[in-house]
Amino acid sequence: HREEFDDILNEYSKTWKVSRLPKVTLAIFYVALYEMEYV
């Protein structure tokens, strides 16, 4: 679901787009979004 999560982050992140986020932060976002949507 990575592309889906990228779209969500690009919509709700006002200051940084996915391509500019630190990898650690992005991994944390991905896990949280997966849990919010699918667990």
Full PDB file with SEQRES, HELIX, SHEET, SSBOND, CRYST1, ORIGX, SCALE, CONECT and MASTER records, all heavy atoms in Angstrom:
SEQRES   1 A   39  HIS ARG GLU GLU PHE ASP ASP ILE LEU ASN GLU TYR SER          
SEQRES   2 A   39  LYS THR TRP LYS VAL SER ARG LEU PRO LYS VAL THR LEU          
SEQRES   3 A   39  ALA ILE PHE TYR VAL ALA LEU TYR GLU MET GLU TYR VAL          
HELIX    1 AA1 ARG A    2  TYR A   12  1                                  11    
HELIX    2 AA2 VAL A   18  ARG A   20  5                                   3    
HELIX    3 AA3 LYS A   23  TYR A   38  1                                  16    
CRYST1    1.000    1.000    1.000  90.00  90.00  90.00 P 1           1          
ORIGX1      1.000000  0.000000  0.000000        0.00000                         
ORIGX2      0.000000  1.000000  0.000000        0.00000                         
ORIGX3      0.000000  0.000000  1.000000        0.00000                         
SCALE1      1.000000  0.000000  0.000000        0.00000                         
SCALE2      0.000000  1.000000  0.000000        0.00000                         
SCALE3      0.000000  0.000000  1.000000        0.00000                         
ATOM      1  N   HIS A   1       0.804  -1.228   0.000  1.00  0.00           N  
ATOM      2  CA  HIS A   1       0.000   0.000   0.000  1.00  0.00           C  
ATOM      3  C   HIS A   1       0.839   1.282   0.000  1.00  0.00           C  
ATOM      4  O   HIS A   1       0.315   2.365   0.283  1.00  0.00           O  
ATOM      5  CB  HIS A   1      -0.930   0.002   1.224  1.00  0.00           C  
ATOM      6  CG  HIS A   1      -1.918  -1.109   1.202  1.00  0.00           C  
ATOM      7  ND1 HIS A   1      -3.055  -1.072   0.440  1.00  0.00           N  
ATOM      8  CD2 HIS A   1      -1.915  -2.314   1.833  1.00  0.00           C  
ATOM      9  CE1 HIS A   1      -3.729  -2.192   0.611  1.00  0.00           C  
ATOM     10  NE2 HIS A   1      -3.053  -2.976   1.450  1.00  0.00           N  
ATOM     11  N   ARG A   2       2.082   1.172  -0.339  1.00  0.00           N  
ATOM     12  CA  ARG A   2       3.005   2.311  -0.253  1.00  0.00           C  
ATOM     13  C   ARG A   2       2.541   3.516  -1.082  1.00  0.00           C  
ATOM     14  O   ARG A   2       2.592   4.650  -0.613  1.00  0.00           O  
ATOM     15  CB  ARG A   2       4.378   1.850  -0.704  1.00  0.00           C  
ATOM     16  CG  ARG A   2       5.491   2.695  -0.250  1.00  0.00           C  
ATOM     17  CD  ARG A   2       6.786   1.964  -0.550  1.00  0.00           C  
ATOM     18  NE  ARG A   2       7.901   2.691  -0.034  1.00  0.00           N  
ATOM     19  CZ  ARG A   2       9.079   2.181   0.146  1.00  0.00           C  
ATOM     20  NH1 ARG A   2       9.301   0.930  -0.144  1.00  0.00           N  
ATOM     21  NH2 ARG A   2      10.045   2.911   0.609  1.00  0.00           N  
ATOM     22  N   GLU A   3       2.089   3.285  -2.291  1.00  0.00           N  
ATOM     23  CA  GLU A   3       1.625   4.397  -3.133  1.00  0.00           C  
ATOM     24  C   GLU A   3       0.421   5.097  -2.510  1.00  0.00           C  
ATOM     25  O   GLU A   3       0.321   6.326  -2.543  1.00  0.00           O  
ATOM     26  CB  GLU A   3       1.298   3.902  -4.536  1.00  0.00           C  
ATOM     27  CG  GLU A   3       2.524   3.555  -5.347  1.00  0.00           C  
ATOM     28  CD  GLU A   3       2.179   3.103  -6.751  1.00  0.00           C  
ATOM     29  OE1 GLU A   3       1.093   3.458  -7.252  1.00  0.00           O  
ATOM     30  OE2 GLU A   3       3.009   2.391  -7.346  1.00  0.00           O  
ATOM     31  N   GLU A   4      -0.490   4.322  -1.960  1.00  0.00           N  
ATOM     32  CA  GLU A   4      -1.657   4.879  -1.268  1.00  0.00           C  
ATOM     33  C   GLU A   4      -1.215   5.766  -0.106  1.00  0.00           C  
ATOM     34  O   GLU A   4      -1.722   6.884   0.071  1.00  0.00           O  
ATOM     35  CB  GLU A   4      -2.535   3.740  -0.760  1.00  0.00           C  
ATOM     36  CG  GLU A   4      -3.667   4.146   0.140  1.00  0.00           C  
ATOM     37  CD  GLU A   4      -4.331   2.946   0.811  1.00  0.00           C  
ATOM     38  OE1 GLU A   4      -4.111   1.787   0.393  1.00  0.00           O  
ATOM     39  OE2 GLU A   4      -5.071   3.191   1.781  1.00  0.00           O  
ATOM     40  N   PHE A   5      -0.249   5.298   0.671  1.00  0.00           N  
ATOM     41  CA  PHE A   5       0.243   6.064   1.812  1.00  0.00           C  
ATOM     42  C   PHE A   5       0.995   7.309   1.363  1.00  0.00           C  
ATOM     43  O   PHE A   5       0.896   8.357   1.992  1.00  0.00           O  
ATOM     44  CB  PHE A   5       1.111   5.192   2.716  1.00  0.00           C  
ATOM     45  CG  PHE A   5       0.385   4.006   3.298  1.00  0.00           C  
ATOM     46  CD1 PHE A   5       1.079   2.862   3.619  1.00  0.00           C  
ATOM     47  CD2 PHE A   5      -0.989   4.022   3.515  1.00  0.00           C  
ATOM     48  CE1 PHE A   5       0.429   1.757   4.164  1.00  0.00           C  
ATOM     49  CE2 PHE A   5      -1.654   2.929   4.056  1.00  0.00           C  
ATOM     50  CZ  PHE A   5      -0.942   1.797   4.376  1.00  0.00           C  
ATOM     51  N   ASP A   6       1.722   7.209   0.262  1.00  0.00           N  
ATOM     52  CA  ASP A   6       2.403   8.388  -0.282  1.00  0.00           C  
ATOM     53  C   ASP A   6       1.389   9.465  -0.658  1.00  0.00           C  
ATOM     54  O   ASP A   6       1.594  10.652  -0.388  1.00  0.00           O  
ATOM     55  CB  ASP A   6       3.243   8.019  -1.506  1.00  0.00           C  
ATOM     56  CG  ASP A   6       4.512   7.273  -1.153  1.00  0.00           C  
ATOM     57  OD1 ASP A   6       4.880   7.229   0.040  1.00  0.00           O  
ATOM     58  OD2 ASP A   6       5.149   6.729  -2.089  1.00  0.00           O  
ATOM     59  N   ASP A   7       0.287   9.065  -1.271  1.00  0.00           N  
ATOM     60  CA  ASP A   7      -0.762  10.017  -1.640  1.00  0.00           C  
ATOM     61  C   ASP A   7      -1.348  10.699  -0.403  1.00  0.00           C  
ATOM     62  O   ASP A   7      -1.572  11.915  -0.400  1.00  0.00           O  
ATOM     63  CB  ASP A   7      -1.878   9.327  -2.424  1.00  0.00           C  
ATOM     64  CG  ASP A   7      -1.441   8.874  -3.808  1.00  0.00           C  
ATOM     65  OD1 ASP A   7      -0.408   9.371  -4.311  1.00  0.00           O  
ATOM     66  OD2 ASP A   7      -2.134   8.011  -4.381  1.00  0.00           O  
ATOM     67  N   ILE A   8      -1.597   9.918   0.638  1.00  0.00           N  
ATOM     68  CA  ILE A   8      -2.132  10.479   1.886  1.00  0.00           C  
ATOM     69  C   ILE A   8      -1.143  11.481   2.473  1.00  0.00           C  
ATOM     70  O   ILE A   8      -1.524  12.598   2.845  1.00  0.00           O  
ATOM     71  CB  ILE A   8      -2.441   9.355   2.905  1.00  0.00           C  
ATOM     72  CG1 ILE A   8      -3.632   8.515   2.431  1.00  0.00           C  
ATOM     73  CG2 ILE A   8      -2.708   9.942   4.303  1.00  0.00           C  
ATOM     74  CD1 ILE A   8      -3.830   7.225   3.214  1.00  0.00           C  
ATOM     75  N   LEU A   9       0.111  11.099   2.546  1.00  0.00           N  
ATOM     76  CA  LEU A   9       1.123  11.990   3.131  1.00  0.00           C  
ATOM     77  C   LEU A   9       1.302  13.255   2.302  1.00  0.00           C  
ATOM     78  O   LEU A   9       1.438  14.349   2.859  1.00  0.00           O  
ATOM     79  CB  LEU A   9       2.448  11.254   3.289  1.00  0.00           C  
ATOM     80  CG  LEU A   9       2.437  10.137   4.327  1.00  0.00           C  
ATOM     81  CD1 LEU A   9       3.728   9.345   4.266  1.00  0.00           C  
ATOM     82  CD2 LEU A   9       2.213  10.707   5.723  1.00  0.00           C  
ATOM     83  N   ASN A  10       1.285  13.122   1.001  1.00  0.00           N  
ATOM     84  CA  ASN A  10       1.422  14.312   0.155  1.00  0.00           C  
ATOM     85  C   ASN A  10       0.234  15.255   0.305  1.00  0.00           C  
ATOM     86  O   ASN A  10       0.378  16.464   0.186  1.00  0.00           O  
ATOM     87  CB  ASN A  10       1.616  13.912  -1.308  1.00  0.00           C  
ATOM     88  CG  ASN A  10       3.017  13.445  -1.601  1.00  0.00           C  
ATOM     89  OD1 ASN A  10       3.982  13.922  -1.008  1.00  0.00           O  
ATOM     90  ND2 ASN A  10       3.145  12.504  -2.515  1.00  0.00           N  
ATOM     91  N   GLU A  11      -0.921  14.702   0.611  1.00  0.00           N  
ATOM     92  CA  GLU A  11      -2.107  15.541   0.813  1.00  0.00           C  
ATOM     93  C   GLU A  11      -2.105  16.232   2.176  1.00  0.00           C  
ATOM     94  O   GLU A  11      -2.463  17.405   2.287  1.00  0.00           O  
ATOM     95  CB  GLU A  11      -3.374  14.694   0.666  1.00  0.00           C  
ATOM     96  CG  GLU A  11      -4.643  15.502   0.859  1.00  0.00           C  
ATOM     97  CD  GLU A  11      -5.904  14.672   0.687  1.00  0.00           C  
ATOM     98  OE1 GLU A  11      -5.828  13.537   0.187  1.00  0.00           O  
ATOM     99  OE2 GLU A  11      -6.977  15.186   1.073  1.00  0.00           O  
ATOM    100  N   TYR A  12      -1.714  15.523   3.222  1.00  0.00           N  
ATOM    101  CA  TYR A  12      -1.853  16.055   4.576  1.00  0.00           C  
ATOM    102  C   TYR A  12      -0.591  16.713   5.138  1.00  0.00           C  
ATOM    103  O   TYR A  12      -0.671  17.425   6.126  1.00  0.00           O  
ATOM    104  CB  TYR A  12      -2.342  14.962   5.533  1.00  0.00           C  
ATOM    105  CG  TYR A  12      -3.785  14.654   5.283  1.00  0.00           C  
ATOM    106  CD1 TYR A  12      -4.166  13.631   4.420  1.00  0.00           C  
ATOM    107  CD2 TYR A  12      -4.796  15.433   5.852  1.00  0.00           C  
ATOM    108  CE1 TYR A  12      -5.496  13.375   4.156  1.00  0.00           C  
ATOM    109  CE2 TYR A  12      -6.123  15.188   5.600  1.00  0.00           C  
ATOM    110  CZ  TYR A  12      -6.471  14.156   4.742  1.00  0.00           C  
ATOM    111  OH  TYR A  12      -7.782  13.917   4.478  1.00  0.00           O  
ATOM    112  N   SER A  13       0.524  16.485   4.529  1.00  0.00           N  
ATOM    113  CA  SER A  13       1.751  17.137   4.984  1.00  0.00           C  
ATOM    114  C   SER A  13       1.847  18.503   4.321  1.00  0.00           C  
ATOM    115  O   SER A  13       1.970  18.606   3.100  1.00  0.00           O  
ATOM    116  CB  SER A  13       2.973  16.298   4.608  1.00  0.00           C  
ATOM    117  OG  SER A  13       4.143  16.993   4.944  1.00  0.00           O  
ATOM    118  N   LYS A  14       1.779  19.541   5.115  1.00  0.00           N  
ATOM    119  CA  LYS A  14       1.774  20.900   4.579  1.00  0.00           C  
ATOM    120  C   LYS A  14       3.174  21.419   4.260  1.00  0.00           C  
ATOM    121  O   LYS A  14       3.329  22.314   3.453  1.00  0.00           O  
ATOM    122  CB  LYS A  14       1.096  21.863   5.574  1.00  0.00           C  
ATOM    123  CG  LYS A  14      -0.318  21.481   5.919  1.00  0.00           C  
ATOM    124  CD  LYS A  14      -1.197  21.467   4.693  1.00  0.00           C  
ATOM    125  CE  LYS A  14      -2.623  21.125   5.069  1.00  0.00           C  
ATOM    126  NZ  LYS A  14      -3.389  20.583   3.987  1.00  0.00           N  
ATOM    127  N   THR A  15       4.196  20.867   4.900  1.00  0.00           N  
ATOM    128  CA  THR A  15       5.533  21.417   4.717  1.00  0.00           C  
ATOM    129  C   THR A  15       6.463  20.539   3.888  1.00  0.00           C  
ATOM    130  O   THR A  15       7.335  21.058   3.218  1.00  0.00           O  
ATOM    131  CB  THR A  15       6.200  21.671   6.088  1.00  0.00           C  
ATOM    132  OG1 THR A  15       6.170  20.471   6.846  1.00  0.00           O  
ATOM    133  CG2 THR A  15       5.469  22.766   6.839  1.00  0.00           C  
ATOM    134  N   TRP A  16       6.305  19.231   3.951  1.00  0.00           N  
ATOM    135  CA  TRP A  16       7.213  18.331   3.249  1.00  0.00           C  
ATOM    136  C   TRP A  16       6.433  17.318   2.421  1.00  0.00           C  
ATOM    137  O   TRP A  16       5.460  16.757   2.902  1.00  0.00           O  
ATOM    138  CB  TRP A  16       8.088  17.568   4.232  1.00  0.00           C  
ATOM    139  CG  TRP A  16       8.983  18.418   5.042  1.00  0.00           C  
ATOM    140  CD1 TRP A  16       8.738  18.909   6.295  1.00  0.00           C  
ATOM    141  CD2 TRP A  16      10.267  18.915   4.674  1.00  0.00           C  
ATOM    142  NE1 TRP A  16       9.792  19.663   6.726  1.00  0.00           N  
ATOM    143  CE2 TRP A  16      10.757  19.686   5.746  1.00  0.00           C  
ATOM    144  CE3 TRP A  16      11.064  18.779   3.544  1.00  0.00           C  
ATOM    145  CZ2 TRP A  16      11.992  20.315   5.716  1.00  0.00           C  
ATOM    146  CZ3 TRP A  16      12.298  19.404   3.512  1.00  0.00           C  
ATOM    147  CH2 TRP A  16      12.741  20.159   4.590  1.00  0.00           C  
ATOM    148  N   LYS A  17       6.892  17.081   1.232  1.00  0.00           N  
ATOM    149  CA  LYS A  17       6.346  16.010   0.407  1.00  0.00           C  
ATOM    150  C   LYS A  17       7.127  14.735   0.703  1.00  0.00           C  
ATOM    151  O   LYS A  17       8.227  14.772   1.251  1.00  0.00           O  
ATOM    152  CB  LYS A  17       6.420  16.365  -1.077  1.00  0.00           C  
ATOM    153  CG  LYS A  17       5.550  17.564  -1.426  1.00  0.00           C  
ATOM    154  CD  LYS A  17       4.107  17.293  -1.061  1.00  0.00           C  
ATOM    155  CE  LYS A  17       3.228  18.506  -1.245  1.00  0.00           C  
ATOM    156  NZ  LYS A  17       1.979  18.416  -0.525  1.00  0.00           N  
ATOM    157  N   VAL A  18       6.589  13.614   0.322  1.00  0.00           N  
ATOM    158  CA  VAL A  18       7.187  12.317   0.620  1.00  0.00           C  
ATOM    159  C   VAL A  18       8.641  12.249   0.162  1.00  0.00           C  
ATOM    160  O   VAL A  18       9.501  11.731   0.867  1.00  0.00           O  
ATOM    161  CB  VAL A  18       6.356  11.179  -0.019  1.00  0.00           C  
ATOM    162  CG1 VAL A  18       7.080   9.856   0.015  1.00  0.00           C  
ATOM    163  CG2 VAL A  18       5.009  11.069   0.680  1.00  0.00           C  
ATOM    164  N   SER A  19       8.918  12.785  -0.994  1.00  0.00           N  
ATOM    165  CA  SER A  19      10.274  12.708  -1.543  1.00  0.00           C  
ATOM    166  C   SER A  19      11.297  13.450  -0.695  1.00  0.00           C  
ATOM    167  O   SER A  19      12.500  13.214  -0.812  1.00  0.00           O  
ATOM    168  CB  SER A  19      10.296  13.245  -2.969  1.00  0.00           C  
ATOM    169  OG  SER A  19       9.887  14.606  -2.985  1.00  0.00           O  
ATOM    170  N   ARG A  20      10.850  14.345   0.171  1.00  0.00           N  
ATOM    171  CA  ARG A  20      11.748  15.147   1.004  1.00  0.00           C  
ATOM    172  C   ARG A  20      11.819  14.690   2.459  1.00  0.00           C  
ATOM    173  O   ARG A  20      12.633  15.201   3.224  1.00  0.00           O  
ATOM    174  CB  ARG A  20      11.291  16.614   0.983  1.00  0.00           C  
ATOM    175  CG  ARG A  20      11.203  17.263  -0.369  1.00  0.00           C  
ATOM    176  CD  ARG A  20      12.501  17.786  -0.802  1.00  0.00           C  
ATOM    177  NE  ARG A  20      13.073  18.567   0.289  1.00  0.00           N  
ATOM    178  CZ  ARG A  20      13.895  19.542   0.151  1.00  0.00           C  
ATOM    179  NH1 ARG A  20      14.287  19.888  -1.031  1.00  0.00           N  
ATOM    180  NH2 ARG A  20      14.384  20.176   1.184  1.00  0.00           N  
ATOM    181  N   LEU A  21      10.977  13.750   2.841  1.00  0.00           N  
ATOM    182  CA  LEU A  21      10.950  13.298   4.233  1.00  0.00           C  
ATOM    183  C   LEU A  21      12.141  12.394   4.537  1.00  0.00           C  
ATOM    184  O   LEU A  21      12.540  11.582   3.703  1.00  0.00           O  
ATOM    185  CB  LEU A  21       9.665  12.516   4.519  1.00  0.00           C  
ATOM    186  CG  LEU A  21       8.392  13.332   4.620  1.00  0.00           C  
ATOM    187  CD1 LEU A  21       7.182  12.411   4.688  1.00  0.00           C  
ATOM    188  CD2 LEU A  21       8.436  14.233   5.841  1.00  0.00           C  
ATOM    189  N   PRO A  22      12.693  12.513   5.754  1.00  0.00           N  
ATOM    190  CA  PRO A  22      13.732  11.559   6.168  1.00  0.00           C  
ATOM    191  C   PRO A  22      13.167  10.140   6.157  1.00  0.00           C  
ATOM    192  O   PRO A  22      11.991   9.914   6.464  1.00  0.00           O  
ATOM    193  CB  PRO A  22      14.070  11.998   7.592  1.00  0.00           C  
ATOM    194  CG  PRO A  22      13.592  13.406   7.702  1.00  0.00           C  
ATOM    195  CD  PRO A  22      12.416  13.521   6.779  1.00  0.00           C  
ATOM    196  N   LYS A  23      13.994   9.187   5.809  1.00  0.00           N  
ATOM    197  CA  LYS A  23      13.548   7.789   5.686  1.00  0.00           C  
ATOM    198  C   LYS A  23      12.996   7.237   7.001  1.00  0.00           C  
ATOM    199  O   LYS A  23      12.035   6.477   7.001  1.00  0.00           O  
ATOM    200  CB  LYS A  23      14.688   6.899   5.191  1.00  0.00           C  
ATOM    201  CG  LYS A  23      15.253   7.300   3.841  1.00  0.00           C  
ATOM    202  CD  LYS A  23      14.233   7.227   2.756  1.00  0.00           C  
ATOM    203  CE  LYS A  23      14.882   7.496   1.406  1.00  0.00           C  
ATOM    204  NZ  LYS A  23      14.031   8.230   0.508  1.00  0.00           N  
ATOM    205  N   VAL A  24      13.582   7.627   8.112  1.00  0.00           N  
ATOM    206  CA  VAL A  24      13.084   7.165   9.411  1.00  0.00           C  
ATOM    207  C   VAL A  24      11.653   7.653   9.620  1.00  0.00           C  
ATOM    208  O   VAL A  24      10.757   6.883   9.983  1.00  0.00           O  
ATOM    209  CB  VAL A  24      13.997   7.641  10.559  1.00  0.00           C  
ATOM    210  CG1 VAL A  24      13.341   7.422  11.912  1.00  0.00           C  
ATOM    211  CG2 VAL A  24      15.341   6.936  10.501  1.00  0.00           C  
ATOM    212  N   THR A  25      11.435   8.918   9.366  1.00  0.00           N  
ATOM    213  CA  THR A  25      10.103   9.508   9.531  1.00  0.00           C  
ATOM    214  C   THR A  25       9.108   8.852   8.589  1.00  0.00           C  
ATOM    215  O   THR A  25       7.976   8.536   8.979  1.00  0.00           O  
ATOM    216  CB  THR A  25      10.165  11.025   9.287  1.00  0.00           C  
ATOM    217  OG1 THR A  25      11.128  11.585  10.186  1.00  0.00           O  
ATOM    218  CG2 THR A  25       8.820  11.690   9.493  1.00  0.00           C  
ATOM    219  N   LEU A  26       9.518   8.628   7.374  1.00  0.00           N  
ATOM    220  CA  LEU A  26       8.639   8.006   6.387  1.00  0.00           C  
ATOM    221  C   LEU A  26       8.261   6.587   6.806  1.00  0.00           C  
ATOM    222  O   LEU A  26       7.094   6.199   6.708  1.00  0.00           O  
ATOM    223  CB  LEU A  26       9.335   8.008   5.020  1.00  0.00           C  
ATOM    224  CG  LEU A  26       8.497   7.671   3.814  1.00  0.00           C  
ATOM    225  CD1 LEU A  26       7.264   8.557   3.712  1.00  0.00           C  
ATOM    226  CD2 LEU A  26       9.351   7.796   2.560  1.00  0.00           C  
ATOM    227  N   ALA A  27       9.213   5.826   7.308  1.00  0.00           N  
ATOM    228  CA  ALA A  27       8.922   4.460   7.765  1.00  0.00           C  
ATOM    229  C   ALA A  27       7.928   4.478   8.929  1.00  0.00           C  
ATOM    230  O   ALA A  27       7.022   3.644   8.999  1.00  0.00           O  
ATOM    231  CB  ALA A  27      10.211   3.750   8.164  1.00  0.00           C  
ATOM    232  N   ILE A  28       8.076   5.438   9.827  1.00  0.00           N  
ATOM    233  CA  ILE A  28       7.141   5.566  10.948  1.00  0.00           C  
ATOM    234  C   ILE A  28       5.742   5.891  10.423  1.00  0.00           C  
ATOM    235  O   ILE A  28       4.748   5.289  10.861  1.00  0.00           O  
ATOM    236  CB  ILE A  28       7.622   6.638  11.947  1.00  0.00           C  
ATOM    237  CG1 ILE A  28       8.907   6.172  12.641  1.00  0.00           C  
ATOM    238  CG2 ILE A  28       6.531   6.951  12.983  1.00  0.00           C  
ATOM    239  CD1 ILE A  28       9.628   7.251  13.434  1.00  0.00           C  
ATOM    240  N   PHE A  29       5.657   6.826   9.490  1.00  0.00           N  
ATOM    241  CA  PHE A  29       4.363   7.154   8.882  1.00  0.00           C  
ATOM    242  C   PHE A  29       3.732   5.923   8.242  1.00  0.00           C  
ATOM    243  O   PHE A  29       2.538   5.668   8.408  1.00  0.00           O  
ATOM    244  CB  PHE A  29       4.526   8.230   7.800  1.00  0.00           C  
ATOM    245  CG  PHE A  29       4.403   9.637   8.284  1.00  0.00           C  
ATOM    246  CD1 PHE A  29       5.378  10.575   7.953  1.00  0.00           C  
ATOM    247  CD2 PHE A  29       3.313  10.069   9.017  1.00  0.00           C  
ATOM    248  CE1 PHE A  29       5.270  11.894   8.362  1.00  0.00           C  
ATOM    249  CE2 PHE A  29       3.188  11.380   9.434  1.00  0.00           C  
ATOM    250  CZ  PHE A  29       4.172  12.293   9.102  1.00  0.00           C  
ATOM    251  N   TYR A  30       4.503   5.169   7.480  1.00  0.00           N  
ATOM    252  CA  TYR A  30       3.963   4.000   6.782  1.00  0.00           C  
ATOM    253  C   TYR A  30       3.371   2.981   7.758  1.00  0.00           C  
ATOM    254  O   TYR A  30       2.277   2.475   7.537  1.00  0.00           O  
ATOM    255  CB  TYR A  30       5.043   3.321   5.941  1.00  0.00           C  
ATOM    256  CG  TYR A  30       5.423   4.030   4.664  1.00  0.00           C  
ATOM    257  CD1 TYR A  30       6.612   3.714   4.026  1.00  0.00           C  
ATOM    258  CD2 TYR A  30       4.614   4.989   4.066  1.00  0.00           C  
ATOM    259  CE1 TYR A  30       6.989   4.325   2.842  1.00  0.00           C  
ATOM    260  CE2 TYR A  30       4.985   5.611   2.888  1.00  0.00           C  
ATOM    261  CZ  TYR A  30       6.168   5.267   2.274  1.00  0.00           C  
ATOM    262  OH  TYR A  30       6.526   5.880   1.093  1.00  0.00           O  
ATOM    263  N   VAL A  31       4.089   2.693   8.818  1.00  0.00           N  
ATOM    264  CA  VAL A  31       3.592   1.723   9.799  1.00  0.00           C  
ATOM    265  C   VAL A  31       2.302   2.243  10.445  1.00  0.00           C  
ATOM    266  O   VAL A  31       1.318   1.514  10.573  1.00  0.00           O  
ATOM    267  CB  VAL A  31       4.667   1.389  10.855  1.00  0.00           C  
ATOM    268  CG1 VAL A  31       4.075   0.583  12.005  1.00  0.00           C  
ATOM    269  CG2 VAL A  31       5.828   0.643  10.213  1.00  0.00           C  
ATOM    270  N   ALA A  32       2.295   3.506  10.830  1.00  0.00           N  
ATOM    271  CA  ALA A  32       1.105   4.080  11.469  1.00  0.00           C  
ATOM    272  C   ALA A  32      -0.094   4.074  10.519  1.00  0.00           C  
ATOM    273  O   ALA A  32      -1.205   3.704  10.915  1.00  0.00           O  
ATOM    274  CB  ALA A  32       1.396   5.500  11.941  1.00  0.00           C  
ATOM    275  N   LEU A  33       0.128   4.474   9.278  1.00  0.00           N  
ATOM    276  CA  LEU A  33      -0.977   4.499   8.315  1.00  0.00           C  
ATOM    277  C   LEU A  33      -1.495   3.085   8.036  1.00  0.00           C  
ATOM    278  O   LEU A  33      -2.707   2.891   7.917  1.00  0.00           O  
ATOM    279  CB  LEU A  33      -0.547   5.187   7.019  1.00  0.00           C  
ATOM    280  CG  LEU A  33      -0.402   6.696   7.126  1.00  0.00           C  
ATOM    281  CD1 LEU A  33       0.300   7.267   5.894  1.00  0.00           C  
ATOM    282  CD2 LEU A  33      -1.762   7.364   7.318  1.00  0.00           C  
ATOM    283  N   TYR A  34      -0.594   2.132   7.955  1.00  0.00           N  
ATOM    284  CA  TYR A  34      -1.049   0.752   7.759  1.00  0.00           C  
ATOM    285  C   TYR A  34      -1.916   0.306   8.934  1.00  0.00           C  
ATOM    286  O   TYR A  34      -2.991  -0.274   8.743  1.00  0.00           O  
ATOM    287  CB  TYR A  34       0.132  -0.208   7.560  1.00  0.00           C  
ATOM    288  CG  TYR A  34      -0.354  -1.607   7.309  1.00  0.00           C  
ATOM    289  CD1 TYR A  34      -0.803  -1.979   6.045  1.00  0.00           C  
ATOM    290  CD2 TYR A  34      -0.437  -2.536   8.333  1.00  0.00           C  
ATOM    291  CE1 TYR A  34      -1.301  -3.248   5.812  1.00  0.00           C  
ATOM    292  CE2 TYR A  34      -0.925  -3.810   8.110  1.00  0.00           C  
ATOM    293  CZ  TYR A  34      -1.364  -4.158   6.842  1.00  0.00           C  
ATOM    294  OH  TYR A  34      -1.876  -5.412   6.622  1.00  0.00           O  
ATOM    295  N   GLU A  35      -1.466   0.586  10.133  1.00  0.00           N  
ATOM    296  CA  GLU A  35      -2.251   0.202  11.306  1.00  0.00           C  
ATOM    297  C   GLU A  35      -3.595   0.928  11.329  1.00  0.00           C  
ATOM    298  O   GLU A  35      -4.627   0.322  11.651  1.00  0.00           O  
ATOM    299  CB  GLU A  35      -1.481   0.485  12.588  1.00  0.00           C  
ATOM    300  CG  GLU A  35      -0.336  -0.467  12.818  1.00  0.00           C  
ATOM    301  CD  GLU A  35       0.355  -0.254  14.142  1.00  0.00           C  
ATOM    302  OE1 GLU A  35       0.523   0.911  14.568  1.00  0.00           O  
ATOM    303  OE2 GLU A  35       0.736  -1.268  14.763  1.00  0.00           O  
ATOM    304  N   MET A  36      -3.600   2.197  10.986  1.00  0.00           N  
ATOM    305  CA  MET A  36      -4.847   2.973  11.001  1.00  0.00           C  
ATOM    306  C   MET A  36      -5.845   2.460   9.966  1.00  0.00           C  
ATOM    307  O   MET A  36      -7.052   2.456  10.210  1.00  0.00           O  
ATOM    308  CB  MET A  36      -4.547   4.453  10.744  1.00  0.00           C  
ATOM    309  CG  MET A  36      -3.807   5.123  11.885  1.00  0.00           C  
ATOM    310  SD  MET A  36      -3.219   6.784  11.460  1.00  0.00           S  
ATOM    311  CE  MET A  36      -4.766   7.704  11.546  1.00  0.00           C  
ATOM    312  N   GLU A  37      -5.350   2.021   8.839  1.00  0.00           N  
ATOM    313  CA  GLU A  37      -6.228   1.612   7.745  1.00  0.00           C  
ATOM    314  C   GLU A  37      -6.571   0.128   7.731  1.00  0.00           C  
ATOM    315  O   GLU A  37      -7.654  -0.247   7.310  1.00  0.00           O  
ATOM    316  CB  GLU A  37      -5.590   1.987   6.397  1.00  0.00           C  
ATOM    317  CG  GLU A  37      -5.538   3.470   6.141  1.00  0.00           C  
ATOM    318  CD  GLU A  37      -6.928   4.086   6.070  1.00  0.00           C  
ATOM    319  OE1 GLU A  37      -7.811   3.525   5.389  1.00  0.00           O  
ATOM    320  OE2 GLU A  37      -7.133   5.130   6.710  1.00  0.00           O  
ATOM    321  N   TYR A  38      -5.650  -0.721   8.154  1.00  0.00           N  
ATOM    322  CA  TYR A  38      -5.811  -2.147   7.894  1.00  0.00           C  
ATOM    323  C   TYR A  38      -5.719  -3.066   9.107  1.00  0.00           C  
ATOM    324  O   TYR A  38      -5.899  -4.271   8.956  1.00  0.00           O  
ATOM    325  CB  TYR A  38      -4.779  -2.589   6.843  1.00  0.00           C  
ATOM    326  CG  TYR A  38      -4.993  -1.888   5.529  1.00  0.00           C  
ATOM    327  CD1 TYR A  38      -4.171  -0.834   5.143  1.00  0.00           C  
ATOM    328  CD2 TYR A  38      -6.031  -2.256   4.682  1.00  0.00           C  
ATOM    329  CE1 TYR A  38      -4.376  -0.171   3.945  1.00  0.00           C  
ATOM    330  CE2 TYR A  38      -6.244  -1.601   3.472  1.00  0.00           C  
ATOM    331  CZ  TYR A  38      -5.405  -0.561   3.121  1.00  0.00           C  
ATOM    332  OH  TYR A  38      -5.620   0.095   1.937  1.00  0.00           O  
ATOM    333  N   VAL A  39      -5.432  -2.540  10.283  1.00  0.00           N  
ATOM    334  CA  VAL A  39      -5.353  -3.401  11.476  1.00  0.00           C  
ATOM    335  C   VAL A  39      -6.492  -2.997  12.413  1.00  0.00           C  
ATOM    336  O   VAL A  39      -6.396  -2.003  13.133  1.00  0.00           O  
ATOM    337  CB  VAL A  39      -3.978  -3.272  12.177  1.00  0.00           C  
ATOM    338  CG1 VAL A  39      -3.921  -4.204  13.381  1.00  0.00           C  
ATOM    339  CG2 VAL A  39      -2.836  -3.577  11.212  1.00  0.00           C  
TER     340      VAL A  39                                                      
MASTER        0    0    0    3    0    0    0    6  339    1    0    3          
END                                                                             
